[in-house]
Amino acid sequence: MHEFDTMMVLCPELALFGLSCPYCGTHVSAVCVIPPDMHDIVNRAAIEVGAGMGRETPADA
C-alpha cells in the first residue's frame, strides 16, 4: 500500500489510508497494516511531531 493520498496512524501497526481512483476519482478509506518498509519513516515522523508512538515507554527504557 504505497499509492495513497493520506495516512493517519492509528497504532504502531495500523493506519487509515485514503486513496483516490485514478480513473473515476472515487475516494476510499481503508484501515490496513503499515508496510514494514515504512515503519522507520512513520516512527521518525512521530518523533518530529511529538506523537506518542515516537516516544520511549517505560518498558523501552
N, C-alpha and C. Protein backbone atom coordinates (compact mmCIF):
# COMPACT_ATOMS: atom_id res chain seq x y z
N MET A 1 0.86 -1.18 0.00
CA MET A 1 0.00 0.00 0.00
C MET A 1 0.90 1.23 0.00
N HIS A 2 1.47 1.54 -1.14
CA HIS A 2 2.33 2.72 -1.22
C HIS A 2 1.72 3.81 -2.09
N GLU A 3 0.64 3.53 -2.76
CA GLU A 3 -0.03 4.53 -3.58
C GLU A 3 -1.24 5.03 -2.81
N PHE A 4 -1.02 6.06 -1.95
CA PHE A 4 -2.12 6.58 -1.15
C PHE A 4 -2.02 8.09 -1.11
N ASP A 5 -3.16 8.74 -0.80
CA ASP A 5 -3.21 10.20 -0.71
C ASP A 5 -2.93 10.66 0.72
N THR A 6 -3.50 9.95 1.67
CA THR A 6 -3.37 10.33 3.08
C THR A 6 -3.14 9.08 3.93
N MET A 7 -2.55 9.31 5.10
CA MET A 7 -2.34 8.21 6.04
C MET A 7 -2.45 8.78 7.45
N MET A 8 -3.33 8.20 8.26
CA MET A 8 -3.44 8.57 9.67
C MET A 8 -3.07 7.33 10.48
N VAL A 9 -1.98 7.42 11.22
CA VAL A 9 -1.52 6.28 12.00
C VAL A 9 -2.44 6.10 13.19
N LEU A 10 -2.95 4.89 13.36
CA LEU A 10 -3.86 4.56 14.45
C LEU A 10 -3.14 3.90 15.62
N CYS A 11 -2.14 3.12 15.31
CA CYS A 11 -1.29 2.46 16.30
C CYS A 11 -0.01 2.08 15.56
N PRO A 12 1.00 1.57 16.25
CA PRO A 12 2.26 1.28 15.56
C PRO A 12 2.14 0.34 14.35
N GLU A 13 1.09 -0.45 14.29
CA GLU A 13 0.96 -1.41 13.19
C GLU A 13 -0.09 -1.04 12.15
N LEU A 14 -1.05 -0.17 12.50
CA LEU A 14 -2.18 0.10 11.61
C LEU A 14 -2.31 1.57 11.28
N ALA A 15 -2.82 1.83 10.07
CA ALA A 15 -3.09 3.21 9.66
C ALA A 15 -4.36 3.25 8.82
N LEU A 16 -4.99 4.41 8.82
CA LEU A 16 -6.14 4.66 7.95
C LEU A 16 -5.59 5.33 6.70
N PHE A 17 -5.67 4.65 5.59
CA PHE A 17 -5.16 5.15 4.32
C PHE A 17 -6.30 5.70 3.49
N GLY A 18 -6.08 6.83 2.85
CA GLY A 18 -7.04 7.40 1.92
C GLY A 18 -6.48 7.27 0.51
N LEU A 19 -7.30 6.75 -0.39
CA LEU A 19 -6.86 6.53 -1.77
C LEU A 19 -7.88 7.10 -2.73
N SER A 20 -7.40 7.58 -3.87
CA SER A 20 -8.28 8.06 -4.93
C SER A 20 -8.08 7.20 -6.16
N CYS A 21 -9.19 6.83 -6.78
CA CYS A 21 -9.12 6.05 -8.02
C CYS A 21 -8.63 6.97 -9.14
N PRO A 22 -7.57 6.59 -9.84
CA PRO A 22 -7.06 7.45 -10.91
C PRO A 22 -8.00 7.53 -12.12
N TYR A 23 -8.96 6.62 -12.20
CA TYR A 23 -9.85 6.58 -13.36
C TYR A 23 -11.14 7.36 -13.14
N CYS A 24 -11.78 7.16 -11.97
CA CYS A 24 -13.07 7.81 -11.74
C CYS A 24 -13.03 8.86 -10.64
N GLY A 25 -11.93 8.94 -9.90
CA GLY A 25 -11.80 9.95 -8.85
C GLY A 25 -12.46 9.60 -7.54
N THR A 26 -13.05 8.42 -7.45
CA THR A 26 -13.68 8.00 -6.20
C THR A 26 -12.63 7.92 -5.10
N HIS A 27 -12.98 8.44 -3.93
CA HIS A 27 -12.06 8.41 -2.79
C HIS A 27 -12.55 7.35 -1.81
N VAL A 28 -11.65 6.48 -1.41
CA VAL A 28 -11.99 5.44 -0.45
C VAL A 28 -10.97 5.47 0.69
N SER A 29 -11.38 4.97 1.84
CA SER A 29 -10.51 4.85 3.00
C SER A 29 -10.49 3.40 3.45
N ALA A 30 -9.34 2.98 3.94
CA ALA A 30 -9.21 1.60 4.41
C ALA A 30 -8.20 1.56 5.55
N VAL A 31 -8.51 0.76 6.57
CA VAL A 31 -7.57 0.52 7.66
C VAL A 31 -6.72 -0.68 7.24
N CYS A 32 -5.41 -0.46 7.16
CA CYS A 32 -4.50 -1.51 6.71
C CYS A 32 -3.25 -1.54 7.58
N VAL A 33 -2.55 -2.65 7.52
CA VAL A 33 -1.26 -2.77 8.19
C VAL A 33 -0.27 -1.84 7.51
N ILE A 34 0.53 -1.12 8.31
CA ILE A 34 1.57 -0.27 7.76
C ILE A 34 2.66 -1.18 7.21
N PRO A 35 3.05 -1.02 5.95
CA PRO A 35 4.09 -1.88 5.38
C PRO A 35 5.38 -1.77 6.19
N PRO A 36 6.04 -2.91 6.42
CA PRO A 36 7.27 -2.90 7.22
C PRO A 36 8.32 -1.90 6.75
N ASP A 37 8.42 -1.68 5.45
CA ASP A 37 9.43 -0.75 4.96
C ASP A 37 9.09 0.71 5.24
N MET A 38 7.90 0.98 5.78
CA MET A 38 7.51 2.34 6.16
C MET A 38 7.63 2.59 7.66
N HIS A 39 7.93 1.56 8.45
CA HIS A 39 7.96 1.71 9.91
C HIS A 39 8.94 2.79 10.36
N ASP A 40 10.14 2.82 9.80
CA ASP A 40 11.13 3.83 10.20
C ASP A 40 10.64 5.24 9.85
N ILE A 41 10.04 5.40 8.70
CA ILE A 41 9.53 6.71 8.28
C ILE A 41 8.44 7.18 9.23
N VAL A 42 7.53 6.27 9.57
CA VAL A 42 6.42 6.61 10.46
C VAL A 42 6.96 6.96 11.85
N ASN A 43 7.93 6.19 12.34
CA ASN A 43 8.49 6.46 13.66
C ASN A 43 9.21 7.81 13.69
N ARG A 44 9.99 8.11 12.65
CA ARG A 44 10.69 9.41 12.59
C ARG A 44 9.69 10.56 12.56
N ALA A 45 8.63 10.42 11.78
CA ALA A 45 7.61 11.47 11.71
C ALA A 45 6.93 11.66 13.07
N ALA A 46 6.67 10.56 13.77
CA ALA A 46 6.06 10.64 15.10
C ALA A 46 6.97 11.40 16.07
N ILE A 47 8.26 11.14 16.00
CA ILE A 47 9.21 11.84 16.87
C ILE A 47 9.22 13.33 16.54
N GLU A 48 9.22 13.66 15.24
CA GLU A 48 9.26 15.07 14.83
C GLU A 48 8.06 15.86 15.32
N VAL A 49 6.89 15.24 15.35
CA VAL A 49 5.68 15.96 15.78
C VAL A 49 5.34 15.72 17.24
N GLY A 50 6.14 14.92 17.94
CA GLY A 50 5.89 14.66 19.35
C GLY A 50 4.73 13.73 19.62
N ALA A 51 4.43 12.87 18.66
CA ALA A 51 3.33 11.91 18.85
C ALA A 51 3.74 10.81 19.81
N GLY A 52 2.78 10.22 20.46
CA GLY A 52 3.03 9.20 21.48
C GLY A 52 3.83 8.01 21.00
N MET A 53 3.58 7.54 19.79
CA MET A 53 4.30 6.34 19.34
C MET A 53 5.76 6.61 19.01
N GLY A 54 6.16 7.88 19.00
CA GLY A 54 7.55 8.21 18.77
C GLY A 54 8.34 8.36 20.06
N ARG A 55 7.68 8.15 21.20
CA ARG A 55 8.32 8.31 22.49
C ARG A 55 8.67 6.95 23.07
N GLU A 56 9.70 6.95 23.89
CA GLU A 56 10.03 5.71 24.62
C GLU A 56 9.03 5.50 25.72
N THR A 57 8.65 4.28 25.95
CA THR A 57 7.80 3.93 27.07
C THR A 57 8.68 3.37 28.18
N PRO A 58 8.17 3.31 29.41
CA PRO A 58 8.99 2.73 30.49
C PRO A 58 9.52 1.34 30.15
N ALA A 59 8.78 0.57 29.38
CA ALA A 59 9.22 -0.78 29.01
C ALA A 59 10.38 -0.72 28.03
N ASP A 60 10.47 0.37 27.24
CA ASP A 60 11.55 0.51 26.26
C ASP A 60 12.85 0.99 26.89
N ALA A 61 12.74 1.70 28.00
CA ALA A 61 13.94 2.32 28.61
C ALA A 61 14.83 1.30 29.28
